C-alpha atoms as a PDB file:
ATOM      1  CA  MET A   1      56.490  66.543  40.826  1.00  0.00           C
ATOM      2  CA  ASN A   2      57.554  63.224  39.371  1.00  0.00           C
ATOM      3  CA  PRO A   3      54.555  60.839  39.735  1.00  0.00           C
ATOM      4  CA  MET A   4      56.772  57.851  40.520  1.00  0.00           C
ATOM      5  CA  LEU A   5      57.976  59.452  43.771  1.00  0.00           C
ATOM      6  CA  VAL A   6      56.312  58.477  47.033  1.00  0.00           C
ATOM      7  CA  THR A   7      55.364  61.545  49.078  1.00  0.00           C
ATOM      8  CA  HIS A   8      53.643  59.789  51.966  1.00  0.00           C
ATOM      9  CA  ALA A   9      54.039  56.197  52.932  1.00  0.00           C
ATOM     10  CA  PHE A  10      50.873  55.076  54.637  1.00  0.00           C
ATOM     11  CA  SER A  11      47.452  56.559  55.294  1.00  0.00           C
ATOM     12  CA  ASN A  12      47.092  54.733  58.598  1.00  0.00           C
ATOM     13  CA  GLY A  13      48.650  52.092  60.810  1.00  0.00           C
ATOM     14  CA  THR A  14      46.729  49.225  59.218  1.00  0.00           C
ATOM     15  CA  GLU A  15      48.035  50.119  55.780  1.00  0.00           C
ATOM     16  CA  GLY A  16      51.560  50.447  57.177  1.00  0.00           C
ATOM     17  CA  ASP A  17      51.338  47.082  58.919  1.00  0.00           C
ATOM     18  CA  ALA A  18      50.078  45.405  55.738  1.00  0.00           C
ATOM     19  CA  TRP A  19      52.891  46.865  53.634  1.00  0.00           C
ATOM     20  CA  THR A  20      55.669  46.127  56.127  1.00  0.00           C
ATOM     21  CA  SER A  21      54.406  42.555  56.581  1.00  0.00           C
ATOM     22  CA  LYS A  22      54.736  42.031  52.818  1.00  0.00           C
ATOM     23  CA  TRP A  23      58.110  43.732  52.349  1.00  0.00           C
ATOM     24  CA  CYS A  24      59.980  44.292  55.620  1.00  0.00           C
ATOM     25  CA  GLU A  25      59.126  41.006  57.311  1.00  0.00           C
ATOM     26  CA  TYR A  26      61.191  39.132  54.737  1.00  0.00           C
ATOM     27  CA  CYS A  27      63.985  41.672  54.206  1.00  0.00           C
ATOM     28  CA  VAL A  28      67.500  41.518  55.623  1.00  0.00           C
ATOM     29  CA  HIS A  29      67.482  45.287  56.243  1.00  0.00           C
ATOM     30  CA  ASP A  30      64.773  44.902  58.902  1.00  0.00           C
ATOM     31  CA  HIS A  31      66.044  41.613  60.353  1.00  0.00           C
ATOM     32  CA  GLY A  32      66.206  42.802  63.964  1.00  0.00           C
ATOM     33  CA  MET A  33      62.532  43.753  63.970  1.00  0.00           C
ATOM     34  CA  HIS A  34      61.052  40.686  62.289  1.00  0.00           C
ATOM     35  CA  THR A  35      62.981  38.089  64.246  1.00  0.00           C
ATOM     36  CA  SER A  36      62.842  39.307  67.801  1.00  0.00           C
ATOM     37  CA  GLY A  37      60.665  42.407  67.855  1.00  0.00           C
ATOM     38  CA  ASP A  38      62.904  43.684  70.626  1.00  0.00           C
ATOM     39  CA  GLY A  39      63.762  46.921  68.914  1.00  0.00           C
ATOM     40  CA  GLY A  40      66.868  45.604  67.204  1.00  0.00           C
ATOM     41  CA  PRO A  41      68.220  47.355  64.139  1.00  0.00           C
ATOM     42  CA  MET A  42      65.406  48.691  62.008  1.00  0.00           C
ATOM     43  CA  CYS A  43      65.464  49.605  58.332  1.00  0.00           C
ATOM     44  CA  GLU A  44      66.179  53.310  58.014  1.00  0.00           C
ATOM     45  CA  LEU A  45      63.635  53.580  55.183  1.00  0.00           C
ATOM     46  CA  VAL A  46      60.814  52.596  57.524  1.00  0.00           C
ATOM     47  CA  MET A  47      62.185  54.903  60.224  1.00  0.00           C
ATOM     48  CA  ASN A  48      62.222  57.746  57.675  1.00  0.00           C
ATOM     49  CA  SER A  49      58.551  57.104  56.894  1.00  0.00           C
ATOM     50  CA  MET A  50      57.629  57.497  60.563  1.00  0.00           C
ATOM     51  CA  CYS A  51      59.279  60.907  60.841  1.00  0.00           C
ATOM     52  CA  HIS A  52      58.567  62.189  57.346  1.00  0.00           C
ATOM     53  CA  THR A  53      56.666  65.361  56.461  1.00  0.00           C
ATOM     54  CA  SER A  54      54.130  64.513  53.765  1.00  0.00           C
ATOM     55  CA  GLY A  55      54.429  66.316  50.457  1.00  0.00           C
ATOM     56  CA  HIS A  56      58.155  65.813  49.984  1.00  0.00           C
ATOM     57  CA  PRO A  57      59.735  62.776  48.268  1.00  0.00           C
ATOM     58  CA  LEU A  58      60.214  59.899  50.689  1.00  0.00           C
ATOM     59  CA  ASN A  59      63.139  57.506  50.170  1.00  0.00           C
ATOM     60  CA  PRO A  60      63.299  58.314  46.428  1.00  0.00           C
ATOM     61  CA  GLU A  61      66.286  56.026  45.901  1.00  0.00           C
ATOM     62  CA  SER A  62      64.339  52.955  47.017  1.00  0.00           C
ATOM     63  CA  TRP A  63      60.568  53.429  47.162  1.00  0.00           C
ATOM     64  CA  VAL A  64      58.770  53.713  43.848  1.00  0.00           C
ATOM     65  CA  ALA A  65      55.059  54.465  43.672  1.00  0.00           C
ATOM     66  CA  GLU A  66      52.916  51.784  42.109  1.00  0.00           C
ATOM     67  CA  PRO A  67      51.189  53.110  39.009  1.00  0.00           C
ATOM     68  CA  ASP A  68      47.468  53.180  38.454  1.00  0.00           C
ATOM     69  CA  ASP A  69      47.805  50.509  35.779  1.00  0.00           C
ATOM     70  CA  GLY A  70      44.582  48.635  36.456  1.00  0.00           C
ATOM     71  CA  GLU A  71      46.347  46.066  38.625  1.00  0.00           C
ATOM     72  CA  PHE A  72      45.630  46.187  42.334  1.00  0.00           C
ATOM     73  CA  TYR A  73      47.850  44.462  44.828  1.00  0.00           C
ATOM     74  CA  LEU A  74      47.361  44.506  48.563  1.00  0.00           C
ATOM     75  CA  PRO A  75      49.170  46.104  50.055  1.00  0.00           C
ATOM     76  CA  SER A  76      49.795  48.460  47.219  1.00  0.00           C
ATOM     77  CA  ARG A  77      51.102  52.043  46.993  1.00  0.00           C
ATOM     78  CA  MET A  78      54.803  51.363  46.429  1.00  0.00           C
ATOM     79  CA  ILE A  79      57.528  48.838  45.823  1.00  0.00           C
ATOM     80  CA  CYS A  80      60.899  48.757  47.559  1.00  0.00           C
ATOM     81  CA  LEU A  81      63.900  48.456  45.279  1.00  0.00           C
ATOM     82  CA  ARG A  82      66.145  47.843  48.287  1.00  0.00           C
ATOM     83  CA  PHE A  83      64.378  44.598  49.250  1.00  0.00           C
ATOM     84  CA  THR A  84      66.857  41.799  49.906  1.00  0.00           C
ATOM     85  CA  PRO A  85      65.544  38.415  51.122  1.00  0.00           C
ATOM     86  CA  CYS A  86      66.639  37.561  54.654  1.00  0.00           C
ATOM     87  CA  HIS A  87      68.170  34.129  55.275  1.00  0.00           C
ATOM     88  CA  ARG A  88      69.847  34.872  58.608  1.00  0.00           C
ATOM     89  CA  ASP A  89      68.928  33.171  61.884  1.00  0.00           C
ATOM     90  CA  ASN A  90      66.448  30.687  60.392  1.00  0.00           C
ATOM     91  CA  CYS A  91      64.666  33.276  58.242  1.00  0.00           C
ATOM     92  CA  ASP A  92      63.126  31.678  55.176  1.00  0.00           C
ATOM     93  CA  GLY A  93      63.784  34.491  52.718  1.00  0.00           C
ATOM     94  CA  ASP A  94      61.121  35.622  50.267  1.00  0.00           C
ATOM     95  CA  PRO A  95      58.002  33.406  50.247  1.00  0.00           C
ATOM     96  CA  ALA A  96      57.050  34.550  46.714  1.00  0.00           C
ATOM     97  CA  PRO A  97      60.234  35.545  44.875  1.00  0.00           C
ATOM     98  CA  ALA A  98      58.891  35.101  41.342  1.00  0.00           C
ATOM     99  CA  GLU A  99      55.739  37.144  42.005  1.00  0.00           C
ATOM    100  CA  ARG A 100      57.687  39.923  43.738  1.00  0.00           C
ATOM    101  CA  ALA A 101      60.288  40.085  40.956  1.00  0.00           C
ATOM    102  CA  GLN A 102      57.573  40.175  38.317  1.00  0.00           C
ATOM    103  CA  ARG A 103      55.706  43.060  39.988  1.00  0.00           C
ATOM    104  CA  VAL A 104      58.910  45.052  40.548  1.00  0.00           C
ATOM    105  CA  GLU A 105      59.765  44.608  36.864  1.00  0.00           C
ATOM    106  CA  GLU A 106      56.237  45.619  35.778  1.00  0.00           C
ATOM    107  CA  VAL A 107      56.386  48.803  37.838  1.00  0.00           C
ATOM    108  CA  GLN A 108      59.849  49.699  36.569  1.00  0.00           C
ATOM    109  CA  VAL A 109      58.849  49.122  32.930  1.00  0.00           C
ATOM    110  CA  TYR A 110      55.686  51.189  33.423  1.00  0.00           C
ATOM    111  CA  TRP A 111      57.600  54.180  34.779  1.00  0.00           C
ATOM    112  CA  ARG A 112      60.501  53.903  32.307  1.00  0.00           C
ATOM    113  CA  SER A 113      58.011  54.221  29.464  1.00  0.00           C
ATOM    114  CA  ARG A 114      56.313  57.299  30.966  1.00  0.00           C
ATOM    115  CA  VAL A 115      58.851  59.364  32.875  1.00  0.00           C
ATOM    116  CA  GLN A 116      61.539  61.049  30.858  1.00  0.00           C
ATOM    117  CA  PRO A 117      64.862  61.796  32.590  1.00  0.00           C
END
């Protein structure tokens, strides 16, 4: 199996909460959940992860596994290529756009150099 594919999202709820607070809390695709918490529209990628059977690729079009490249970021495990900063209803967007863009680029470069199409 392609090592850049994510086959399970989170080992436990704490890990899931840490990852979603870094990615989903600032993303337009999960706006309904991070603004009101009332069960508004939720990102289908996160919903997929809650119903997913481990061992099969999970959201391969958007979630890319972080490589074991000696760098360790919490929360780690994967990046989301679908991330779009949310600026609706007083949302502040991405609090660290340069750092996020840099890590996404690093991960993409790492995998491009190792995985042949």
